[in-house]
């Protein structure tokens, strides 16, 4: 029975059953990048970063975005931060949302 402000326990369980995916910049898709920019429009800071150890006991720092069925933990890097700053949806209109080749690292030697 659902009683107003209290959520049934199965709703919490559904959230906990999300598929979890760690995403490196090389595997970043336009869809995940758009979710990041939407969730962190001014960029992310230390308060947004989640730190954990992977199966190889390596320390991973990531920011989280969630879809209906998946929780993405995107590894943080200066490349990710710059790509989010320069995000323009039109840059990805010719690519599929799940194409990891669409998101390229920014040029390091940008001419003024």
N, C-alpha and C. Protein backbone atom coordinates (compact mmCIF):
# COMPACT_ATOMS: atom_id res chain seq x y z
N UNK A 1 0.84 -1.18 0.00
CA UNK A 1 0.00 0.00 0.00
C UNK A 1 0.89 1.23 0.00
N UNK A 2 0.56 2.22 -0.82
CA UNK A 2 1.32 3.46 -0.93
C UNK A 2 0.65 4.53 -0.09
N UNK A 3 1.41 5.11 0.85
CA UNK A 3 0.86 6.09 1.78
C UNK A 3 1.49 7.46 1.56
N UNK A 4 0.99 8.21 0.62
CA UNK A 4 1.41 9.60 0.42
C UNK A 4 2.90 9.79 0.21
N UNK A 5 3.57 10.35 1.21
CA UNK A 5 4.97 10.74 1.09
C UNK A 5 5.96 9.60 1.23
N UNK A 6 5.52 8.45 1.65
CA UNK A 6 6.45 7.34 1.80
C UNK A 6 6.46 6.52 0.52
N UNK A 7 7.67 6.20 0.06
CA UNK A 7 7.80 5.41 -1.16
C UNK A 7 7.81 3.94 -0.80
N UNK A 8 7.18 3.13 -1.63
CA UNK A 8 7.22 1.69 -1.39
C UNK A 8 8.67 1.20 -1.47
N UNK A 9 8.98 0.15 -0.74
CA UNK A 9 10.35 -0.35 -0.70
C UNK A 9 10.82 -0.83 -2.08
N UNK A 10 9.92 -1.29 -2.93
CA UNK A 10 10.34 -1.78 -4.23
C UNK A 10 10.88 -0.67 -5.12
N UNK A 11 10.47 0.59 -4.90
CA UNK A 11 11.02 1.70 -5.68
C UNK A 11 12.49 1.88 -5.33
N UNK A 12 12.84 1.83 -4.07
CA UNK A 12 14.24 1.93 -3.66
C UNK A 12 15.02 0.76 -4.25
N UNK A 13 14.45 -0.43 -4.22
CA UNK A 13 15.13 -1.60 -4.76
C UNK A 13 15.37 -1.45 -6.25
N UNK A 14 14.43 -0.87 -6.98
CA UNK A 14 14.60 -0.68 -8.42
C UNK A 14 15.80 0.22 -8.69
N UNK A 15 15.94 1.30 -7.92
CA UNK A 15 17.08 2.20 -8.09
C UNK A 15 18.39 1.48 -7.81
N UNK A 16 18.38 0.61 -6.80
CA UNK A 16 19.59 -0.11 -6.43
C UNK A 16 19.96 -1.18 -7.45
N UNK A 17 19.04 -1.57 -8.31
CA UNK A 17 19.30 -2.61 -9.29
C UNK A 17 19.77 -2.06 -10.64
N UNK A 18 20.19 -0.82 -10.68
CA UNK A 18 20.68 -0.25 -11.92
C UNK A 18 21.98 -0.93 -12.33
N UNK A 19 22.14 -1.09 -13.63
CA UNK A 19 23.41 -1.58 -14.15
C UNK A 19 24.44 -0.48 -13.92
N UNK A 20 25.63 -0.82 -13.46
CA UNK A 20 26.67 0.17 -13.20
C UNK A 20 27.77 0.01 -14.24
N UNK A 21 28.14 1.13 -14.87
CA UNK A 21 29.14 1.10 -15.93
C UNK A 21 30.18 2.18 -15.66
N UNK A 22 31.45 1.79 -15.63
CA UNK A 22 32.54 2.76 -15.52
C UNK A 22 32.94 3.15 -16.94
N UNK A 23 33.00 4.46 -17.19
CA UNK A 23 33.25 4.95 -18.54
C UNK A 23 34.53 5.79 -18.55
N UNK A 24 35.47 5.40 -19.38
CA UNK A 24 36.68 6.18 -19.63
C UNK A 24 36.39 7.16 -20.75
N UNK A 25 37.16 8.24 -20.86
CA UNK A 25 36.91 9.23 -21.91
C UNK A 25 36.87 8.59 -23.29
N UNK A 26 37.72 7.60 -23.53
CA UNK A 26 37.79 6.94 -24.84
C UNK A 26 36.48 6.26 -25.22
N UNK A 27 35.67 5.92 -24.23
CA UNK A 27 34.39 5.23 -24.47
C UNK A 27 33.19 6.16 -24.27
N UNK A 28 33.45 7.45 -24.08
CA UNK A 28 32.37 8.41 -23.85
C UNK A 28 31.54 8.59 -25.12
N UNK A 29 30.23 8.49 -24.99
CA UNK A 29 29.33 8.65 -26.13
C UNK A 29 28.66 10.02 -26.07
N UNK A 30 28.10 10.48 -27.20
CA UNK A 30 27.36 11.75 -27.18
C UNK A 30 26.23 11.75 -26.15
N UNK A 31 25.56 10.62 -25.98
CA UNK A 31 24.46 10.54 -25.02
C UNK A 31 24.96 10.78 -23.59
N UNK A 32 26.04 10.12 -23.21
CA UNK A 32 26.57 10.27 -21.85
C UNK A 32 27.13 11.68 -21.66
N UNK A 33 27.81 12.22 -22.67
CA UNK A 33 28.32 13.58 -22.58
C UNK A 33 27.18 14.58 -22.38
N UNK A 34 26.09 14.41 -23.11
CA UNK A 34 24.93 15.30 -22.96
C UNK A 34 24.35 15.19 -21.55
N UNK A 35 24.29 13.98 -21.01
CA UNK A 35 23.79 13.80 -19.64
C UNK A 35 24.69 14.51 -18.63
N UNK A 36 26.01 14.42 -18.84
CA UNK A 36 26.96 15.10 -17.95
C UNK A 36 26.77 16.61 -17.98
N UNK A 37 26.66 17.16 -19.19
CA UNK A 37 26.51 18.61 -19.33
C UNK A 37 25.19 19.07 -18.73
N UNK A 38 24.15 18.26 -18.88
CA UNK A 38 22.85 18.59 -18.30
C UNK A 38 22.90 18.57 -16.77
N UNK A 39 23.55 17.55 -16.21
CA UNK A 39 23.61 17.42 -14.75
C UNK A 39 24.59 18.41 -14.13
N UNK A 40 25.68 18.71 -14.83
CA UNK A 40 26.71 19.61 -14.31
C UNK A 40 26.92 20.77 -15.29
N UNK A 41 25.94 21.66 -15.46
CA UNK A 41 26.05 22.72 -16.47
C UNK A 41 27.21 23.69 -16.22
N UNK A 42 27.64 23.81 -14.98
CA UNK A 42 28.77 24.68 -14.65
C UNK A 42 30.03 23.86 -14.40
N UNK A 43 30.04 22.63 -14.86
CA UNK A 43 31.17 21.74 -14.61
C UNK A 43 31.02 21.05 -13.27
N UNK A 44 31.89 20.10 -13.02
CA UNK A 44 31.85 19.38 -11.75
C UNK A 44 32.98 19.88 -10.86
N UNK A 45 32.83 19.69 -9.55
CA UNK A 45 33.90 20.04 -8.63
C UNK A 45 34.12 18.87 -7.67
N UNK A 46 34.98 19.07 -6.70
CA UNK A 46 35.35 17.98 -5.78
C UNK A 46 34.14 17.36 -5.08
N UNK A 47 33.13 18.16 -4.82
CA UNK A 47 31.94 17.65 -4.13
C UNK A 47 31.17 16.64 -4.98
N UNK A 48 31.32 16.70 -6.30
CA UNK A 48 30.61 15.80 -7.21
C UNK A 48 31.38 14.51 -7.49
N UNK A 49 32.66 14.48 -7.14
CA UNK A 49 33.51 13.35 -7.51
C UNK A 49 33.36 12.21 -6.50
N UNK A 50 33.18 11.02 -7.05
CA UNK A 50 33.08 9.79 -6.26
C UNK A 50 34.40 9.05 -6.41
N UNK A 51 35.00 8.66 -5.32
CA UNK A 51 36.25 7.89 -5.35
C UNK A 51 35.97 6.46 -4.89
N UNK A 52 36.55 5.50 -5.60
CA UNK A 52 36.38 4.09 -5.24
C UNK A 52 37.51 3.29 -5.84
N UNK A 53 37.66 2.07 -5.41
CA UNK A 53 38.67 1.17 -5.96
C UNK A 53 38.00 0.14 -6.87
N UNK A 54 38.61 -0.08 -8.02
CA UNK A 54 38.05 -1.06 -8.95
C UNK A 54 38.55 -2.46 -8.57
N UNK A 55 38.24 -3.44 -9.39
CA UNK A 55 38.62 -4.83 -9.09
C UNK A 55 40.13 -5.03 -9.06
N UNK A 56 40.87 -4.15 -9.75
CA UNK A 56 42.34 -4.23 -9.75
C UNK A 56 42.93 -3.43 -8.59
N UNK A 57 42.07 -2.94 -7.70
CA UNK A 57 42.45 -2.14 -6.54
C UNK A 57 43.04 -0.78 -6.93
N UNK A 58 42.71 -0.29 -8.14
CA UNK A 58 43.15 1.03 -8.58
C UNK A 58 42.13 2.06 -8.09
N UNK A 59 42.64 3.20 -7.65
CA UNK A 59 41.75 4.27 -7.21
C UNK A 59 41.14 4.95 -8.43
N UNK A 60 39.83 5.01 -8.48
CA UNK A 60 39.09 5.63 -9.57
C UNK A 60 38.35 6.84 -9.03
N UNK A 61 38.41 7.94 -9.76
CA UNK A 61 37.62 9.13 -9.43
C UNK A 61 36.68 9.37 -10.60
N UNK A 62 35.40 9.53 -10.29
CA UNK A 62 34.40 9.62 -11.35
C UNK A 62 33.26 10.53 -10.93
N UNK A 63 32.51 10.99 -11.93
CA UNK A 63 31.25 11.69 -11.68
C UNK A 63 30.14 10.78 -12.19
N UNK A 64 28.97 10.92 -11.58
CA UNK A 64 27.88 9.99 -11.84
C UNK A 64 26.76 10.64 -12.65
N UNK A 65 26.27 9.91 -13.63
CA UNK A 65 25.02 10.27 -14.31
C UNK A 65 24.20 8.99 -14.44
N UNK A 66 22.89 9.15 -14.42
CA UNK A 66 22.00 7.99 -14.39
C UNK A 66 20.94 8.10 -15.47
N UNK A 67 20.71 6.98 -16.14
CA UNK A 67 19.57 6.87 -17.06
C UNK A 67 18.54 5.99 -16.36
N UNK A 68 17.50 5.66 -17.07
CA UNK A 68 16.43 4.84 -16.49
C UNK A 68 16.94 3.50 -15.97
N UNK A 69 17.92 2.92 -16.68
CA UNK A 69 18.37 1.57 -16.30
C UNK A 69 19.85 1.45 -15.98
N UNK A 70 20.61 2.55 -16.11
CA UNK A 70 22.06 2.46 -15.95
C UNK A 70 22.62 3.63 -15.15
N UNK A 71 23.56 3.32 -14.28
CA UNK A 71 24.30 4.35 -13.56
C UNK A 71 25.70 4.37 -14.17
N UNK A 72 26.06 5.50 -14.80
CA UNK A 72 27.37 5.66 -15.41
C UNK A 72 28.29 6.38 -14.44
N UNK A 73 29.47 5.83 -14.23
CA UNK A 73 30.51 6.49 -13.46
C UNK A 73 31.59 6.86 -14.46
N UNK A 74 31.65 8.15 -14.79
CA UNK A 74 32.56 8.64 -15.83
C UNK A 74 33.84 9.12 -15.17
N UNK A 75 34.96 8.52 -15.55
CA UNK A 75 36.24 8.88 -14.97
C UNK A 75 36.54 10.35 -15.24
N UNK A 76 36.95 11.06 -14.20
CA UNK A 76 37.25 12.48 -14.36
C UNK A 76 38.66 12.66 -14.92
N UNK A 77 38.82 13.74 -15.69
CA UNK A 77 40.12 14.09 -16.25
C UNK A 77 40.03 15.52 -16.76
N UNK A 78 41.18 16.12 -17.01
CA UNK A 78 41.17 17.47 -17.57
C UNK A 78 40.54 17.45 -18.97
N UNK A 79 40.74 16.37 -19.71
CA UNK A 79 40.15 16.24 -21.04
C UNK A 79 38.63 16.24 -20.95
N UNK A 80 38.07 15.53 -19.98
CA UNK A 80 36.62 15.52 -19.80
C UNK A 80 36.12 16.91 -19.46
N UNK A 81 36.79 17.60 -18.55
CA UNK A 81 36.36 18.94 -18.14
C UNK A 81 36.34 19.91 -19.32
N UNK A 82 37.38 19.90 -20.14
CA UNK A 82 37.45 20.79 -21.31
C UNK A 82 36.37 20.43 -22.32
N UNK A 83 36.16 19.14 -22.54
CA UNK A 83 35.14 18.69 -23.49
C UNK A 83 33.75 19.13 -23.03
N UNK A 84 33.49 19.05 -21.74
CA UNK A 84 32.19 19.50 -21.21
C UNK A 84 32.04 21.01 -21.37
N UNK A 85 33.11 21.77 -21.12
CA UNK A 85 33.07 23.23 -21.27
C UNK A 85 32.75 23.64 -22.70
N UNK A 86 33.29 22.91 -23.66
CA UNK A 86 33.14 23.26 -25.07
C UNK A 86 31.99 22.53 -25.75
N UNK A 87 31.14 21.88 -24.98
CA UNK A 87 30.06 21.07 -25.53
C UNK A 87 29.10 21.89 -26.39
N UNK A 88 28.83 21.37 -27.57
CA UNK A 88 27.82 21.94 -28.47
C UNK A 88 27.08 20.76 -29.08
N UNK A 89 25.81 20.66 -28.79
CA UNK A 89 25.00 19.53 -29.25
C UNK A 89 25.11 19.33 -30.76
N UNK A 90 25.23 20.43 -31.51
CA UNK A 90 25.30 20.34 -32.97
C UNK A 90 26.54 19.59 -33.46
N UNK A 91 27.59 19.55 -32.65
CA UNK A 91 28.81 18.84 -33.04
C UNK A 91 28.57 17.34 -33.19
N UNK A 92 27.49 16.84 -32.61
CA UNK A 92 27.25 15.39 -32.58
C UNK A 92 26.02 14.96 -33.37
N UNK A 93 25.41 15.88 -34.12
CA UNK A 93 24.16 15.55 -34.80
C UNK A 93 24.33 14.51 -35.90
N UNK A 94 25.54 14.34 -36.43
CA UNK A 94 25.77 13.35 -37.49
C UNK A 94 26.17 11.98 -36.94
N UNK A 95 26.16 11.84 -35.63
CA UNK A 95 26.58 10.59 -34.99
C UNK A 95 25.42 9.95 -34.24
N UNK A 96 25.50 8.63 -34.07
CA UNK A 96 24.55 7.93 -33.20
C UNK A 96 24.85 8.30 -31.75
N UNK A 97 23.81 8.29 -30.90
CA UNK A 97 23.99 8.64 -29.49
C UNK A 97 24.95 7.71 -28.76
N UNK A 98 25.09 6.48 -29.26
CA UNK A 98 25.94 5.50 -28.57
C UNK A 98 27.28 5.27 -29.27
N UNK A 99 27.71 6.22 -30.11
CA UNK A 99 28.96 6.09 -30.87
C UNK A 99 30.13 6.68 -30.08
N UNK A 100 31.01 5.83 -29.52
CA UNK A 100 32.13 6.35 -28.74
C UNK A 100 33.18 7.07 -29.58
N UNK A 101 33.16 6.88 -30.90
CA UNK A 101 34.12 7.58 -31.76
C UNK A 101 33.71 9.02 -32.03
N UNK A 102 32.50 9.38 -31.67
CA UNK A 102 32.00 10.74 -31.92
C UNK A 102 32.68 11.76 -31.02
N UNK A 103 32.96 11.39 -29.79
CA UNK A 103 33.55 12.32 -28.83
C UNK A 103 35.06 12.20 -28.89
N UNK A 104 35.69 13.25 -29.39
CA UNK A 104 37.14 13.27 -29.54
C UNK A 104 37.76 14.22 -28.53
N UNK A 105 39.00 13.95 -28.10
CA UNK A 105 39.65 14.87 -27.17
C UNK A 105 39.84 16.23 -27.84
N UNK A 106 39.79 17.30 -27.06
CA UNK A 106 39.99 18.63 -27.63
C UNK A 106 41.43 18.79 -28.11
N UNK A 107 41.62 19.65 -29.12
CA UNK A 107 42.96 19.94 -29.60
C UNK A 107 43.76 20.60 -28.50
N UNK A 108 44.99 20.13 -28.31
CA UNK A 108 45.85 20.74 -27.29
C UNK A 108 46.51 22.00 -27.82
N UNK A 109 46.72 22.06 -29.13
CA UNK A 109 47.39 23.21 -29.73
C UNK A 109 46.40 24.04 -30.53
N UNK A 110 45.46 24.65 -29.84
CA UNK A 110 44.45 25.46 -30.52
C UNK A 110 45.05 26.82 -30.83
N UNK A 111 45.04 27.18 -32.11
CA UNK A 111 45.60 28.48 -32.52
C UNK A 111 44.64 29.59 -32.13
N UNK A 112 45.18 30.71 -31.68
CA UNK A 112 44.34 31.85 -31.30
C UNK A 112 43.88 32.63 -32.49
